[in-house]
């Protein structure tokens, strides 16, 4: 009981290892300044092969058309839309960690926000690939933009696919600005430590003349707060609009008002899982355990538990709504999901998204790094299958004579795997050339930065002497 009260009054430090301001700078900048390791080069090579696979798949798609995919009638949407929604969802944790937790003054976000923001940018880039390539007539993809076409008509603004383009591009722009503004002080640090002219000029240009003056910090904090306030509504709006792809249709199982909140909860759920999937091995490989601590991992696991429970509740409510509506079409759609040809995918989804997060009720599992990594992968698998199950509602529509079974082709698979290649290529470049941890923000949560540090220090010194 006494230990619990002590942890409440004096919580575990957010930075372990007794770091000073200088040692934090050295530890984070070392990753950028040292030559690439053999492991990094090997991982980068594999990621490049995946990115090349994506380029080849898109090139062949443009040459041959969407017939190379497993699309049929009635399944006019296949893996492309599944992957689009999956990648947009992955990008949600970055804005939540950076913007919302910043506005709520949650200091534990500081060590993981840079990872999450970078992940958001790269996931949205991967997502933006898919609207352009799944439209069929790819040479007319510019119709998705607010430009008049050669027929003198504006694009169809009633289409939710067009709303996606606006929502996701806005989200990408604000997230990119937010990420870049946070990087400016750390770019100046890398500029001042640069050992060659190329690095000096590159980081010098990116740091925008930062000198750490009081006026610079004042403008920086004002801009960061403003961008956080702009980004916060986007967390709710972007995946809400993505859910409209389905909800504004008249397909049984799609035409429901539960989709927007359920999609937002699922996006945060999968986004945090991906942050853990990336952060757990990265902290080990690059020696960042003192900054991305078990406390950070436990807090993220708690959010996964909350949002995973919300997703499970939404699954149950979907069945209730189908029963309560007394519509035979709605009822059949959900019975078909659970017991029809795609029941295997439905139960994988339920196992990964409903059962997996319940393990995080136990503190031993929440604080176990290996178990966290394994469970985060299961969550990501489950969230991909969720989008797959929703999309596959098309395979049995109102007319039994038109029912068909959708099966992906090799080109569906190479496009999906290739998107991961693109994602990891960008992420590995980020780890090598930019600070993976927000140096300036982590210094701000050090005990030394607290005006009451003497009392804090004395408490932990006393604990150490008794320990």
Foldseek 3Di string as FASTA:
>chain_A
DVVVVCCVVQNDALFDDPDDLVVLLCLLCVLQPDDDDPVLVVLLVVLVVLLVLQVVLLVVCQVPWPVLWLADVPLLDALLLLLLLLLQLLLLQLLCLQQVCVVVVPLSSQFQNLLSLLSNLLSLVLNVVRLLRSPGNNVPSCLLPQDQDPVRDHRDPVALSSVLVVLSVVLNVLSVVLSLLLQLVVLVSQLVVDPDDVSVVVSCVSNVNDDPDPVSVVVSVVVNNVSSVVNVVSLQPNQLSSLCNQCVDPFQLNVDPLRSVLSSLLSNLLNLLVSLLPPLVVCVVSVVCSNCDLVVQLVSLVSNLVSLQVNVVSLVVQCVCLVVVVDPNNNVLNVCCCPNPPVVLVVLLCCLRRVLSVVSVDVVQSSDSVNSNVSSVSSSSSSSSVSNSSSCSSQDTDDNVRHDDGDTDVSSVSNSSSSSSSSVSSSSVCSHNGRSGSSVSSNCSDLVVDPPSVVSVVVVVVVVVVD
